[in-house]
Amino acid sequence: MRLLEEFGQSRFEAGEKKGIEKNKVETAEKLLKRDLSMKFVSEITDIPTRELETIYKK
């Protein structure tokens, strides 16, 4: 039973992390659409500038 609990917990944590990352990307998109600098958005979201360039092109 303990193994199942640990497996469930790790899946929960993975899902939580994925949700946090998705929120960061959505926030970055909103900030970039408001013409804030990539450097500023990178500092706020902790997303590297190179990754923001990819996000912004979408």
Protein backbone atom coordinates (compact mmCIF):
# COMPACT_ATOMS: atom_id res chain seq x y z
CA MET A 1 0.00 0.00 0.00
CA ARG A 2 2.86 2.38 0.79
CA LEU A 3 4.22 2.01 -2.76
CA LEU A 4 0.87 3.08 -4.19
CA GLU A 5 0.79 6.10 -1.91
CA GLU A 6 4.29 7.12 -2.96
CA PHE A 7 3.45 6.61 -6.64
CA GLY A 8 0.32 8.72 -6.27
CA GLN A 9 2.26 11.43 -4.44
CA SER A 10 4.94 11.58 -7.13
CA ARG A 11 2.27 11.86 -9.85
CA PHE A 12 0.61 14.65 -7.87
CA GLU A 13 3.91 16.49 -7.52
CA ALA A 14 4.65 16.08 -11.23
CA GLY A 15 1.21 17.45 -12.10
CA GLU A 16 1.65 20.34 -9.70
CA LYS A 17 5.02 21.22 -11.23
CA LYS A 18 3.53 21.06 -14.74
CA GLY A 19 0.73 23.41 -13.66
CA ILE A 20 3.19 25.90 -12.18
CA GLU A 21 5.26 25.87 -15.39
CA LYS A 22 2.12 26.38 -17.50
CA ASN A 23 1.15 29.36 -15.34
CA LYS A 24 4.63 30.88 -15.76
CA VAL A 25 4.36 30.59 -19.54
CA GLU A 26 0.86 32.12 -19.57
CA THR A 27 2.08 35.00 -17.40
CA ALA A 28 5.07 35.55 -19.68
CA GLU A 29 2.82 35.64 -22.74
CA LYS A 30 0.59 38.27 -21.15
CA LEU A 31 3.54 40.42 -20.12
CA LEU A 32 5.18 40.17 -23.54
CA LYS A 33 1.91 41.15 -25.24
CA ARG A 34 2.02 44.33 -23.16
CA ASP A 35 5.41 45.11 -24.70
CA LEU A 36 7.43 44.60 -21.55
CA SER A 37 11.07 43.76 -22.18
CA MET A 38 12.13 40.14 -22.39
CA LYS A 39 14.78 40.79 -19.76
CA PHE A 40 12.13 42.04 -17.33
CA VAL A 41 9.75 39.16 -18.09
CA SER A 42 12.63 36.71 -17.66
CA GLU A 43 13.42 38.14 -14.24
CA ILE A 44 9.78 37.97 -13.14
CA THR A 45 9.00 34.46 -14.44
CA ASP A 46 12.44 32.81 -14.14
CA ILE A 47 12.14 31.74 -17.78
CA PRO A 48 15.38 32.16 -19.75
CA THR A 49 15.33 34.84 -22.46
CA ARG A 50 15.96 32.26 -25.20
CA GLU A 51 12.88 30.35 -24.14
CA LEU A 52 10.87 33.58 -24.05
CA GLU A 53 11.88 34.28 -27.64
CA THR A 54 10.35 30.95 -28.61
CA ILE A 55 7.18 31.67 -26.63
CA TYR A 56 6.85 35.14 -28.13
CA LYS A 57 7.08 33.85 -31.71
CA LYS A 58 3.99 31.64 -31.27
